[in-house]
Amino acid sequence: MFDTVIDETAQESAEEPKDHKKTLKVIAVLSAVGLVGAFLGYGVAAQQVGDAQAQAMVDIAAVQADADTRVAAEKDRADTRIAASESQMQEREATVSQRESDAAAKESAVAGREAAVTQTEAVIDASRIGPGTYLVPDELTAGRYRTVNDVDGDSCYMKQSKGNDIIDNMLEDAGRPVFTVQNVAGSEFLIDSDCGPVTKIN
């Protein structure tokens, strides 16, 4: 019986290494399969990451293109508005310049008229002869003289005389009287103060 036990033990000992080897082989096979699966999984994941990166680049390019298009459109609109504003400003400046030119021309015309009026007034003033006695023809030439202003209720008296001789005289109290001074050398022409200034009309 002892011999039988020894034989069974020896037999079990002989069989254990065989089972252990099978187990190791199974583990090795499983490990290899696991590694292959892991490599395959990594490859799939890497492919997915690559695809995602490529899609992201496409999306980024599309977004950038859209942004560039919008920026270009806004720039075109801004340039159009700026050009329109500059055109309006140039038109307004041209209008202002034209108005300034017109105003300068009007000022020049007014200045010319004022100068002409001043000259006319100077001529009129020079031609006016105030009340007094004037020697003909040294101080006053022969001709027709009229009062500058209307004689309204005053007694305007004018007289031409030589010595004690009265050549002509006139007394008026209305209108603008006219007196004719004759060409008599050495005679005197008297203009009364009520007549006011007179001017030669011919």
N, C-alpha and C. Protein backbone atom coordinates (compact mmCIF):
# COMPACT_ATOMS: atom_id res chain seq x y z
N MET A 1 0.82 -1.20 0.00
CA MET A 1 0.00 0.00 0.00
C MET A 1 0.85 1.25 0.00
N PHE A 2 1.88 1.23 0.69
CA PHE A 2 2.81 2.35 0.72
C PHE A 2 3.38 2.58 -0.65
N ASP A 3 3.67 1.50 -1.31
CA ASP A 3 4.20 1.62 -2.66
C ASP A 3 3.19 2.24 -3.59
N THR A 4 1.93 1.91 -3.36
CA THR A 4 0.86 2.48 -4.22
C THR A 4 0.76 3.97 -4.03
N VAL A 5 0.84 4.43 -2.79
CA VAL A 5 0.78 5.87 -2.51
C VAL A 5 1.95 6.58 -3.17
N ILE A 6 3.10 6.04 -3.08
CA ILE A 6 4.29 6.65 -3.70
C ILE A 6 4.09 6.76 -5.19
N ASP A 7 3.52 5.72 -5.78
CA ASP A 7 3.34 5.74 -7.23
C ASP A 7 2.34 6.82 -7.62
N GLU A 8 1.27 6.94 -6.86
CA GLU A 8 0.28 7.98 -7.21
C GLU A 8 0.87 9.37 -7.05
N THR A 9 1.66 9.55 -5.98
CA THR A 9 2.30 10.86 -5.77
C THR A 9 3.26 11.18 -6.90
N ALA A 10 4.00 10.17 -7.31
CA ALA A 10 4.94 10.38 -8.40
C ALA A 10 4.21 10.70 -9.68
N GLN A 11 3.07 10.01 -9.82
CA GLN A 11 2.29 10.25 -11.04
C GLN A 11 1.73 11.66 -11.04
N GLU A 12 1.24 12.12 -9.88
CA GLU A 12 0.70 13.49 -9.80
C GLU A 12 1.80 14.49 -10.05
N SER A 13 2.99 14.20 -9.49
CA SER A 13 4.11 15.13 -9.69
C SER A 13 4.51 15.19 -11.15
N ALA A 14 4.37 14.11 -11.82
CA ALA A 14 4.74 14.08 -13.23
C ALA A 14 3.71 14.83 -14.06
N GLU A 15 2.42 14.81 -13.61
CA GLU A 15 1.36 15.44 -14.38
C GLU A 15 1.32 16.95 -14.13
N GLU A 16 1.74 17.42 -12.94
CA GLU A 16 1.67 18.85 -12.61
C GLU A 16 2.44 19.72 -13.58
N PRO A 17 3.63 19.40 -13.95
CA PRO A 17 4.34 20.25 -14.88
C PRO A 17 3.63 20.39 -16.22
N LYS A 18 2.95 19.38 -16.64
CA LYS A 18 2.24 19.45 -17.91
C LYS A 18 1.10 20.47 -17.82
N ASP A 19 0.33 20.42 -16.72
CA ASP A 19 -0.78 21.37 -16.55
C ASP A 19 -0.25 22.80 -16.42
N HIS A 20 0.83 22.92 -15.72
CA HIS A 20 1.41 24.24 -15.52
C HIS A 20 1.87 24.84 -16.85
N LYS A 21 2.43 24.00 -17.68
CA LYS A 21 2.87 24.49 -18.99
C LYS A 21 1.69 24.93 -19.83
N LYS A 22 0.60 24.15 -19.73
CA LYS A 22 -0.60 24.52 -20.49
C LYS A 22 -1.12 25.87 -20.02
N THR A 23 -1.10 26.02 -18.69
CA THR A 23 -1.60 27.28 -18.13
C THR A 23 -0.75 28.45 -18.62
N LEU A 24 0.55 28.25 -18.59
CA LEU A 24 1.46 29.31 -19.05
C LEU A 24 1.22 29.63 -20.52
N LYS A 25 0.97 28.60 -21.31
CA LYS A 25 0.71 28.82 -22.72
C LYS A 25 -0.57 29.61 -22.91
N VAL A 26 -1.59 29.24 -22.12
CA VAL A 26 -2.86 29.95 -22.23
C VAL A 26 -2.67 31.42 -21.84
N ILE A 27 -1.94 31.62 -20.76
CA ILE A 27 -1.68 33.00 -20.31
C ILE A 27 -0.91 33.77 -21.37
N ALA A 28 0.08 33.11 -21.99
CA ALA A 28 0.87 33.77 -23.02
C ALA A 28 0.01 34.13 -24.21
N VAL A 29 -0.86 33.17 -24.58
CA VAL A 29 -1.74 33.42 -25.72
C VAL A 29 -2.67 34.59 -25.41
N LEU A 30 -3.24 34.56 -24.19
CA LEU A 30 -4.15 35.63 -23.80
C LEU A 30 -3.42 36.98 -23.76
N SER A 31 -2.21 36.94 -23.26
CA SER A 31 -1.42 38.18 -23.20
C SER A 31 -1.15 38.72 -24.61
N ALA A 32 -0.81 37.80 -25.49
CA ALA A 32 -0.53 38.21 -26.87
C ALA A 32 -1.78 38.79 -27.51
N VAL A 33 -2.90 38.07 -27.24
CA VAL A 33 -4.16 38.58 -27.78
C VAL A 33 -4.48 39.95 -27.20
N GLY A 34 -4.21 40.08 -25.88
CA GLY A 34 -4.45 41.38 -25.24
C GLY A 34 -3.58 42.48 -25.83
N LEU A 35 -2.31 42.11 -26.05
CA LEU A 35 -1.40 43.11 -26.64
C LEU A 35 -1.82 43.49 -28.05
N VAL A 36 -2.21 42.47 -28.81
CA VAL A 36 -2.67 42.75 -30.17
C VAL A 36 -3.90 43.64 -30.12
N GLY A 37 -4.82 43.31 -29.17
CA GLY A 37 -6.02 44.14 -29.02
C GLY A 37 -5.68 45.56 -28.62
N ALA A 38 -4.70 45.62 -27.70
CA ALA A 38 -4.28 46.95 -27.26
C ALA A 38 -3.69 47.74 -28.41
N PHE A 39 -2.82 47.06 -29.19
CA PHE A 39 -2.24 47.74 -30.36
C PHE A 39 -3.31 48.14 -31.35
N LEU A 40 -4.25 47.22 -31.57
CA LEU A 40 -5.35 47.54 -32.49
C LEU A 40 -6.18 48.70 -31.96
N GLY A 41 -6.45 48.66 -30.63
CA GLY A 41 -7.22 49.76 -30.02
C GLY A 41 -6.46 51.08 -30.12
N TYR A 42 -5.17 51.04 -29.89
CA TYR A 42 -4.37 52.26 -30.01
C TYR A 42 -4.39 52.79 -31.44
N GLY A 43 -4.28 51.83 -32.39
CA GLY A 43 -4.32 52.24 -33.79
C GLY A 43 -5.64 52.89 -34.15
N VAL A 44 -6.75 52.30 -33.66
CA VAL A 44 -8.07 52.87 -33.92
C VAL A 44 -8.19 54.25 -33.27
N ALA A 45 -7.72 54.33 -32.00
CA ALA A 45 -7.78 55.62 -31.30
C ALA A 45 -6.92 56.66 -32.01
N ALA A 46 -5.73 56.24 -32.44
CA ALA A 46 -4.85 57.18 -33.15
C ALA A 46 -5.50 57.65 -34.45
N GLN A 47 -6.17 56.74 -35.15
CA GLN A 47 -6.87 57.09 -36.37
C GLN A 47 -8.00 58.08 -36.08
N GLN A 48 -8.73 57.80 -34.99
CA GLN A 48 -9.83 58.70 -34.61
C GLN A 48 -9.31 60.09 -34.24
N VAL A 49 -8.18 60.10 -33.50
CA VAL A 49 -7.58 61.39 -33.14
C VAL A 49 -7.13 62.14 -34.39
N GLY A 50 -6.52 61.40 -35.32
CA GLY A 50 -6.08 62.03 -36.56
C GLY A 50 -7.25 62.58 -37.36
N ASP A 51 -8.32 61.78 -37.41
CA ASP A 51 -9.52 62.25 -38.12
C ASP A 51 -10.09 63.50 -37.45
N ALA A 52 -10.12 63.45 -36.10
CA ALA A 52 -10.65 64.60 -35.36
C ALA A 52 -9.80 65.84 -35.59
N GLN A 53 -8.47 65.65 -35.60
CA GLN A 53 -7.59 66.78 -35.87
C GLN A 53 -7.78 67.32 -37.28
N ALA A 54 -7.93 66.43 -38.24
CA ALA A 54 -8.16 66.87 -39.62
C ALA A 54 -9.47 67.63 -39.74
N GLN A 55 -10.53 67.10 -39.08
CA GLN A 55 -11.82 67.79 -39.12
C GLN A 55 -11.73 69.15 -38.43
N ALA A 56 -10.97 69.19 -37.31
CA ALA A 56 -10.80 70.46 -36.60
C ALA A 56 -10.09 71.47 -37.49
N MET A 57 -9.09 71.02 -38.22
CA MET A 57 -8.38 71.93 -39.12
C MET A 57 -9.32 72.44 -40.22
N VAL A 58 -10.16 71.54 -40.75
CA VAL A 58 -11.14 71.95 -41.76
C VAL A 58 -12.10 72.98 -41.18
N ASP A 59 -12.59 72.70 -39.93
CA ASP A 59 -13.52 73.63 -39.30
C ASP A 59 -12.86 74.98 -39.04
N ILE A 60 -11.61 74.93 -38.57
CA ILE A 60 -10.88 76.18 -38.31
C ILE A 60 -10.70 76.97 -39.61
N ALA A 61 -10.35 76.28 -40.68
CA ALA A 61 -10.18 76.95 -41.97
C ALA A 61 -11.49 77.57 -42.43
N ALA A 62 -12.60 76.85 -42.23
CA ALA A 62 -13.90 77.38 -42.62
C ALA A 62 -14.26 78.62 -41.81
N VAL A 63 -14.02 78.54 -40.48
CA VAL A 63 -14.30 79.68 -39.62
C VAL A 63 -13.43 80.87 -40.01
N GLN A 64 -12.15 80.62 -40.28
CA GLN A 64 -11.24 81.69 -40.67
C GLN A 64 -11.67 82.31 -41.99
N ALA A 65 -12.07 81.46 -42.95
CA ALA A 65 -12.52 81.98 -44.24
C ALA A 65 -13.78 82.82 -44.07
N ASP A 66 -14.70 82.34 -43.24
CA ASP A 66 -15.92 83.10 -42.98
C ASP A 66 -15.60 84.44 -42.31
N ALA A 67 -14.69 84.39 -41.33
CA ALA A 67 -14.28 85.62 -40.64
C ALA A 67 -13.62 86.59 -41.62
N ASP A 68 -12.74 86.07 -42.48
CA ASP A 68 -12.09 86.93 -43.47
C ASP A 68 -13.11 87.57 -44.42
N THR A 69 -14.10 86.76 -44.83
CA THR A 69 -15.15 87.29 -45.72
C THR A 69 -15.92 88.40 -45.04
N ARG A 70 -16.30 88.17 -43.77
CA ARG A 70 -17.06 89.19 -43.03
C ARG A 70 -16.23 90.45 -42.82
N VAL A 71 -14.95 90.27 -42.47
CA VAL A 71 -14.07 91.43 -42.26
C VAL A 71 -13.92 92.22 -43.57
N ALA A 72 -13.75 91.50 -44.68
CA ALA A 72 -13.62 92.18 -45.97
C ALA A 72 -14.90 92.95 -46.32
N ALA A 73 -16.06 92.31 -46.03
CA ALA A 73 -17.33 92.99 -46.31
C ALA A 73 -17.49 94.24 -45.46
N GLU A 74 -17.15 94.14 -44.17
CA GLU A 74 -17.23 95.30 -43.28
C GLU A 74 -16.27 96.39 -43.72
N LYS A 75 -15.08 95.99 -44.15
CA LYS A 75 -14.10 96.97 -44.63
C LYS A 75 -14.62 97.68 -45.88
N ASP A 76 -15.23 96.90 -46.80
CA ASP A 76 -15.79 97.51 -48.01
C ASP A 76 -16.89 98.51 -47.65
N ARG A 77 -17.77 98.12 -46.70
CA ARG A 77 -18.84 99.02 -46.29
C ARG A 77 -18.27 100.27 -45.63
N ALA A 78 -17.25 100.07 -44.78
CA ALA A 78 -16.62 101.22 -44.12
C ALA A 78 -15.95 102.13 -45.14
N ASP A 79 -15.26 101.53 -46.12
CA ASP A 79 -14.62 102.34 -47.17
C ASP A 79 -15.66 103.12 -47.97
N THR A 80 -16.80 102.47 -48.23
CA THR A 80 -17.88 103.15 -48.97
C THR A 80 -18.41 104.33 -48.18
N ARG A 81 -18.64 104.11 -46.86
CA ARG A 81 -19.14 105.20 -46.03
C ARG A 81 -18.13 106.33 -45.93
N ILE A 82 -16.86 105.98 -45.80
CA ILE A 82 -15.81 107.00 -45.71
C ILE A 82 -15.74 107.79 -47.01
N ALA A 83 -15.80 107.08 -48.14
CA ALA A 83 -15.75 107.77 -49.43
C ALA A 83 -16.94 108.70 -49.60
N ALA A 84 -18.13 108.23 -49.17
CA ALA A 84 -19.32 109.07 -49.27
C ALA A 84 -19.18 110.31 -48.38
N SER A 85 -18.66 110.10 -47.16
CA SER A 85 -18.46 111.22 -46.24
C SER A 85 -17.46 112.21 -46.80
N GLU A 86 -16.37 111.70 -47.37
CA GLU A 86 -15.36 112.59 -47.95
C GLU A 86 -15.94 113.36 -49.13
N SER A 87 -16.78 112.68 -49.94
CA SER A 87 -17.41 113.36 -51.06
C SER A 87 -18.34 114.47 -50.58
N GLN A 88 -19.15 114.16 -49.56
CA GLN A 88 -20.04 115.18 -49.00
C GLN A 88 -19.24 116.35 -48.42
N MET A 89 -18.14 116.02 -47.74
CA MET A 89 -17.31 117.08 -47.16
C MET A 89 -16.71 117.96 -48.26
N GLN A 90 -16.26 117.33 -49.34
CA GLN A 90 -15.71 118.11 -50.45
C GLN A 90 -16.77 119.00 -51.07
N GLU A 91 -18.00 118.45 -51.21
CA GLU A 91 -19.10 119.26 -51.75
C GLU A 91 -19.40 120.44 -50.84
N ARG A 92 -19.43 120.18 -49.52
CA ARG A 92 -19.69 121.27 -48.58
C ARG A 92 -18.58 122.30 -48.61
N GLU A 93 -17.33 121.83 -48.69
CA GLU A 93 -16.21 122.77 -48.77
C GLU A 93 -16.30 123.61 -50.05
N ALA A 94 -16.70 122.94 -51.16
CA ALA A 94 -16.85 123.69 -52.41
C ALA A 94 -17.97 124.72 -52.29
N THR A 95 -19.07 124.32 -51.62
CA THR A 95 -20.18 125.26 -51.43
C THR A 95 -19.75 126.44 -50.57
N VAL A 96 -19.04 126.12 -49.47
CA VAL A 96 -18.56 127.19 -48.58
C VAL A 96 -17.60 128.11 -49.33
N SER A 97 -16.71 127.50 -50.12
CA SER A 97 -15.76 128.31 -50.89
C SER A 97 -16.48 129.21 -51.89
N GLN A 98 -17.53 128.64 -52.54
CA GLN A 98 -18.29 129.45 -53.49
C GLN A 98 -19.00 130.58 -52.78
N ARG A 99 -19.58 130.28 -51.60
CA ARG A 99 -20.26 131.32 -50.85
C ARG A 99 -19.29 132.41 -50.41
N GLU A 100 -18.10 131.99 -49.97
CA GLU A 100 -17.10 132.97 -49.58
C GLU A 100 -16.69 133.83 -50.77
N SER A 101 -16.55 133.17 -51.94
CA SER A 101 -16.19 133.93 -53.15
C SER A 101 -17.30 134.91 -53.51
N ASP A 102 -18.57 134.43 -53.41
CA ASP A 102 -19.70 135.32 -53.71
C ASP A 102 -19.75 136.48 -52.73
N ALA A 103 -19.50 136.16 -51.44
CA ALA A 103 -19.52 137.23 -50.43
C ALA A 103 -18.42 138.24 -50.69
N ALA A 104 -17.23 137.74 -51.08
CA ALA A 104 -16.13 138.65 -51.39
C ALA A 104 -16.47 139.53 -52.59
N ALA A 105 -17.12 138.90 -53.61
CA ALA A 105 -17.50 139.69 -54.79
C ALA A 105 -18.53 140.76 -54.41
N LYS A 106 -19.50 140.38 -53.55
CA LYS A 106 -20.51 141.35 -53.13
C LYS A 106 -19.88 142.47 -52.31
N GLU A 107 -18.94 142.10 -51.42
CA GLU A 107 -18.25 143.13 -50.63
C GLU A 107 -17.48 144.08 -51.53
N SER A 108 -16.84 143.49 -52.55
CA SER A 108 -16.10 144.32 -53.49
C SER A 108 -17.04 145.26 -54.25
N ALA A 109 -18.22 144.70 -54.66
CA ALA A 109 -19.19 145.54 -55.38
C ALA A 109 -19.71 146.66 -54.47
N VAL A 110 -19.99 146.30 -53.21
CA VAL A 110 -20.47 147.31 -52.26
C VAL A 110 -19.42 148.38 -52.05
N ALA A 111 -18.16 147.93 -51.90
CA ALA A 111 -17.07 148.89 -51.71
C ALA A 111 -16.95 149.80 -52.93
N GLY A 112 -17.14 149.21 -54.15
CA GLY A 112 -17.08 150.03 -55.35
C GLY A 112 -18.21 151.06 -55.40
N ARG A 113 -19.42 150.60 -55.01
CA ARG A 113 -20.55 151.54 -54.99
C ARG A 113 -20.34 152.63 -53.95
N GLU A 114 -19.83 152.23 -52.78
CA GLU A 114 -19.57 153.23 -51.74
C GLU A 114 -18.53 154.24 -52.21
N ALA A 115 -17.51 153.74 -52.90
CA ALA A 115 -16.49 154.66 -53.42
C ALA A 115 -17.10 155.61 -54.45
N ALA A 116 -17.98 155.05 -55.32
CA ALA A 116 -18.62 155.90 -56.32
C ALA A 116 -19.52 156.94 -55.66
N VAL A 117 -20.28 156.48 -54.64
CA VAL A 117 -21.14 157.42 -53.92
C VAL A 117 -20.32 158.50 -53.25
N THR A 118 -19.21 158.06 -52.62
CA THR A 118 -18.34 159.03 -51.95
C THR A 118 -17.79 160.04 -52.95
N GLN A 119 -17.40 159.53 -54.11
CA GLN A 119 -16.87 160.43 -55.14
C GLN A 119 -17.96 161.39 -55.62
N THR A 120 -19.17 160.85 -55.82
CA THR A 120 -20.28 161.70 -56.26
C THR A 120 -20.60 162.76 -55.22
N GLU A 121 -20.61 162.30 -53.95
CA GLU A 121 -20.87 163.26 -52.88
C GLU A 121 -19.79 164.33 -52.82
N ALA A 122 -18.55 163.89 -53.08
CA ALA A 122 -17.45 164.87 -53.09
C ALA A 122 -17.64 165.88 -54.21
N VAL A 123 -18.07 165.35 -55.38
CA VAL A 123 -18.31 166.26 -56.51
C VAL A 123 -19.46 167.20 -56.19
N ILE A 124 -20.54 166.62 -55.59
CA ILE A 124 -21.68 167.45 -55.21
C ILE A 124 -21.28 168.50 -54.19
N ASP A 125 -20.53 168.04 -53.18
CA ASP A 125 -20.08 168.99 -52.16
C ASP A 125 -19.22 170.09 -52.77
N ALA A 126 -18.36 169.69 -53.71
CA ALA A 126 -17.49 170.70 -54.35
C ALA A 126 -18.30 171.67 -55.19
N SER A 127 -19.44 171.17 -55.73
CA SER A 127 -20.24 172.05 -56.59
C SER A 127 -21.21 172.92 -55.80
N ARG A 128 -21.36 172.61 -54.53
CA ARG A 128 -22.28 173.43 -53.72
C ARG A 128 -21.63 174.77 -53.33
N ILE A 129 -22.45 175.77 -53.42
CA ILE A 129 -21.98 177.13 -53.07
C ILE A 129 -22.86 177.64 -51.94
N GLY A 130 -22.25 177.90 -50.81
CA GLY A 130 -23.01 178.34 -49.65
C GLY A 130 -23.43 179.81 -49.75
N PRO A 131 -24.32 180.23 -48.86
CA PRO A 131 -24.76 181.65 -48.84
C PRO A 131 -23.56 182.59 -48.72
N GLY A 132 -23.67 183.76 -49.37
CA GLY A 132 -22.59 184.75 -49.33
C GLY A 132 -22.60 185.58 -50.60
N THR A 133 -21.55 186.40 -50.78
CA THR A 133 -21.42 187.27 -51.95
C THR A 133 -20.16 186.87 -52.71
N TYR A 134 -20.31 186.64 -54.05
CA TYR A 134 -19.22 186.13 -54.86
C TYR A 134 -18.98 187.06 -56.05
N LEU A 135 -17.68 187.25 -56.36
CA LEU A 135 -17.30 188.14 -57.47
C LEU A 135 -17.36 187.36 -58.78
N VAL A 136 -18.04 187.91 -59.77
CA VAL A 136 -18.17 187.27 -61.09
C VAL A 136 -17.15 187.91 -62.03
N PRO A 137 -16.37 187.20 -62.79
CA PRO A 137 -16.29 185.74 -62.87
C PRO A 137 -15.14 185.14 -62.06
N ASP A 138 -14.49 185.93 -61.22
CA ASP A 138 -13.30 185.45 -60.52
C ASP A 138 -13.64 184.35 -59.51
N GLU A 139 -14.70 184.53 -58.76
CA GLU A 139 -15.07 183.55 -57.73
C GLU A 139 -16.24 182.66 -58.15
N LEU A 140 -16.98 183.09 -59.11
CA LEU A 140 -18.16 182.33 -59.54
C LEU A 140 -18.44 182.65 -60.99
N THR A 141 -18.60 181.65 -61.81
CA THR A 141 -18.81 181.86 -63.26
C THR A 141 -20.28 182.08 -63.55
N ALA A 142 -20.54 182.65 -64.72
CA ALA A 142 -21.92 182.88 -65.16
C ALA A 142 -22.62 181.55 -65.41
N GLY A 143 -23.95 181.52 -65.25
CA GLY A 143 -24.73 180.30 -65.48
C GLY A 143 -25.96 180.26 -64.61
N ARG A 144 -26.66 179.12 -64.66
CA ARG A 144 -27.89 178.97 -63.88
C ARG A 144 -27.59 178.22 -62.58
N TYR A 145 -28.12 178.76 -61.48
CA TYR A 145 -27.88 178.17 -60.17
C TYR A 145 -29.23 177.86 -59.50
N ARG A 146 -29.30 176.68 -58.87
CA ARG A 146 -30.53 176.26 -58.22
C ARG A 146 -30.23 175.90 -56.77
N THR A 147 -31.21 176.15 -55.91
CA THR A 147 -31.01 175.78 -54.50
C THR A 147 -30.93 174.26 -54.37
N VAL A 148 -30.08 173.81 -53.46
CA VAL A 148 -29.91 172.36 -53.24
C VAL A 148 -31.15 171.78 -52.58
N ASN A 149 -31.73 172.51 -51.66
CA ASN A 149 -32.90 172.05 -50.92
C ASN A 149 -34.12 172.90 -51.27
N ASP A 150 -35.28 172.35 -51.00
CA ASP A 150 -36.52 173.12 -51.21
C ASP A 150 -36.58 174.29 -50.23
N VAL A 151 -37.09 175.39 -50.74
CA VAL A 151 -37.33 176.56 -49.89
C VAL A 151 -38.77 176.44 -49.40
N ASP A 152 -38.95 176.13 -48.14
CA ASP A 152 -40.29 175.85 -47.61
C ASP A 152 -40.67 176.94 -46.59
N GLY A 153 -41.34 178.00 -47.10
CA GLY A 153 -41.80 179.07 -46.22
C GLY A 153 -40.78 180.14 -45.95
N ASP A 154 -39.50 179.90 -46.34
CA ASP A 154 -38.46 180.93 -46.14
C ASP A 154 -38.41 181.86 -47.35
N SER A 155 -37.95 183.06 -47.12
CA SER A 155 -37.83 184.04 -48.22
C SER A 155 -36.44 183.97 -48.77
N CYS A 156 -36.28 183.20 -49.85
CA CYS A 156 -34.96 183.04 -50.49
C CYS A 156 -34.75 184.22 -51.44
N TYR A 157 -33.68 184.97 -51.19
CA TYR A 157 -33.39 186.16 -52.01
C TYR A 157 -32.02 186.00 -52.64
N MET A 158 -31.96 186.18 -53.99
CA MET A 158 -30.70 186.15 -54.72
C MET A 158 -30.64 187.41 -55.60
N LYS A 159 -29.41 187.94 -55.77
CA LYS A 159 -29.27 189.22 -56.49
C LYS A 159 -27.90 189.28 -57.14
N GLN A 160 -27.88 189.82 -58.38
CA GLN A 160 -26.61 190.13 -59.05
C GLN A 160 -26.58 191.64 -59.28
N SER A 161 -25.49 192.24 -58.84
CA SER A 161 -25.39 193.72 -58.97
C SER A 161 -23.96 194.11 -59.28
N LYS A 162 -23.85 195.37 -59.78
CA LYS A 162 -22.52 195.93 -60.01
C LYS A 162 -22.56 197.36 -59.53
N GLY A 163 -21.82 197.59 -58.46
CA GLY A 163 -21.89 198.91 -57.83
C GLY A 163 -23.28 199.09 -57.24
N ASN A 164 -23.89 200.24 -57.61
CA ASN A 164 -25.24 200.51 -57.13
C ASN A 164 -26.32 200.00 -58.09
N ASP A 165 -25.90 199.42 -59.21
CA ASP A 165 -26.86 198.95 -60.22
C ASP A 165 -27.22 197.47 -59.96
N ILE A 166 -28.51 197.18 -59.89
CA ILE A 166 -28.98 195.79 -59.74
C ILE A 166 -29.20 195.22 -61.15
N ILE A 167 -28.46 194.20 -61.46
CA ILE A 167 -28.58 193.55 -62.77
C ILE A 167 -29.81 192.66 -62.79
N ASP A 168 -30.02 191.87 -61.71
CA ASP A 168 -31.20 191.01 -61.60
C ASP A 168 -31.33 190.60 -60.14
N ASN A 169 -32.57 190.32 -59.72
CA ASN A 169 -32.77 189.80 -58.38
C ASN A 169 -34.01 188.88 -58.37
N MET A 170 -34.17 188.11 -57.26
CA MET A 170 -35.25 187.15 -57.18
C MET A 170 -35.59 186.91 -55.73
N LEU A 171 -36.89 186.75 -55.41
CA LEU A 171 -37.34 186.44 -54.06
C LEU A 171 -38.38 185.32 -54.17
N GLU A 172 -38.08 184.16 -53.59
CA GLU A 172 -38.98 183.00 -53.64
C GLU A 172 -39.14 182.43 -52.23
N ASP A 173 -40.35 181.83 -51.99
CA ASP A 173 -40.59 181.24 -50.66
C ASP A 173 -41.07 179.78 -50.77
N ALA A 174 -40.90 179.15 -51.92
CA ALA A 174 -41.31 177.74 -52.10
C ALA A 174 -40.51 177.11 -53.23
N GLY A 175 -40.47 175.79 -53.22
CA GLY A 175 -39.79 175.04 -54.28
C GLY A 175 -38.28 175.18 -54.21
N ARG A 176 -37.68 174.95 -55.38
CA ARG A 176 -36.23 175.07 -55.49
C ARG A 176 -35.94 176.12 -56.57
N PRO A 177 -35.84 177.36 -56.17
CA PRO A 177 -35.69 178.46 -57.13
C PRO A 177 -34.41 178.37 -57.95
N VAL A 178 -34.47 178.90 -59.16
CA VAL A 178 -33.31 178.93 -60.07
C VAL A 178 -33.02 180.40 -60.41
N PHE A 179 -31.74 180.76 -60.32
CA PHE A 179 -31.33 182.14 -60.64
C PHE A 179 -30.23 182.08 -61.70
N THR A 180 -30.34 182.95 -62.69
CA THR A 180 -29.35 183.00 -63.77
C THR A 180 -28.37 184.14 -63.52
N VAL A 181 -27.10 183.78 -63.38
CA VAL A 181 -26.04 184.78 -63.19
C VAL A 181 -25.51 185.15 -64.59
N GLN A 182 -25.56 186.45 -64.91
CA GLN A 182 -25.10 186.92 -66.22
C GLN A 182 -23.59 187.15 -66.21
N ASN A 183 -23.02 187.07 -67.37
CA ASN A 183 -21.57 187.20 -67.51
C ASN A 183 -21.20 188.69 -67.55
N VAL A 184 -21.19 189.27 -66.38
CA VAL A 184 -20.84 190.70 -66.26
C VAL A 184 -19.62 190.78 -65.35
N ALA A 185 -18.51 191.14 -65.97
CA ALA A 185 -17.27 191.21 -65.21
C ALA A 185 -17.36 192.27 -64.13
N GLY A 186 -16.87 191.96 -62.95
CA GLY A 186 -16.85 192.90 -61.84
C GLY A 186 -18.16 192.95 -61.07
N SER A 187 -19.15 192.13 -61.49
CA SER A 187 -20.41 192.10 -60.76
C SER A 187 -20.31 191.14 -59.57
N GLU A 188 -21.30 191.23 -58.68
CA GLU A 188 -21.33 190.38 -57.50
C GLU A 188 -22.65 189.59 -57.47
N PHE A 189 -22.53 188.35 -57.00
CA PHE A 189 -23.72 187.49 -56.89
C PHE A 189 -23.96 187.26 -55.40
N LEU A 190 -25.17 187.65 -54.93
CA LEU A 190 -25.53 187.51 -53.53
C LEU A 190 -26.50 186.34 -53.36
N ILE A 191 -26.17 185.45 -52.41
CA ILE A 191 -27.05 184.33 -52.05
C ILE A 191 -27.46 184.52 -50.60
N ASP A 192 -28.76 184.71 -50.34
CA ASP A 192 -29.25 184.93 -48.98
C ASP A 192 -29.16 183.62 -48.17
N SER A 193 -28.99 183.75 -46.88
CA SER A 193 -28.85 182.57 -46.01
C SER A 193 -30.11 181.72 -46.00
N ASP A 194 -31.29 182.32 -46.25
CA ASP A 194 -32.53 181.54 -46.28
C ASP A 194 -32.62 180.63 -47.51
N CYS A 195 -31.77 180.91 -48.49
CA CYS A 195 -31.75 180.05 -49.69
C CYS A 195 -30.99 178.76 -49.44
N GLY A 196 -30.03 178.80 -48.51
CA GLY A 196 -29.18 177.63 -48.32
C GLY A 196 -28.20 177.51 -49.44
N PRO A 197 -27.50 176.42 -49.54
CA PRO A 197 -26.51 176.27 -50.63
C PRO A 197 -27.21 176.14 -51.99
N VAL A 198 -26.47 176.57 -53.03
CA VAL A 198 -26.95 176.42 -54.39
C VAL A 198 -25.91 175.65 -55.18
N THR A 199 -26.34 175.10 -56.32
CA THR A 199 -25.40 174.38 -57.19
C THR A 199 -25.65 174.80 -58.61
N LYS A 200 -24.60 174.81 -59.42
CA LYS A 200 -24.72 175.22 -60.83
C LYS A 200 -25.31 174.06 -61.62
N ILE A 201 -26.35 174.33 -62.39
CA ILE A 201 -26.98 173.26 -63.16
C ILE A 201 -26.61 173.34 -64.65
N ASN A 202 -26.17 174.48 -65.12
CA ASN A 202 -25.64 174.59 -66.49
C ASN A 202 -25.02 175.95 -66.70
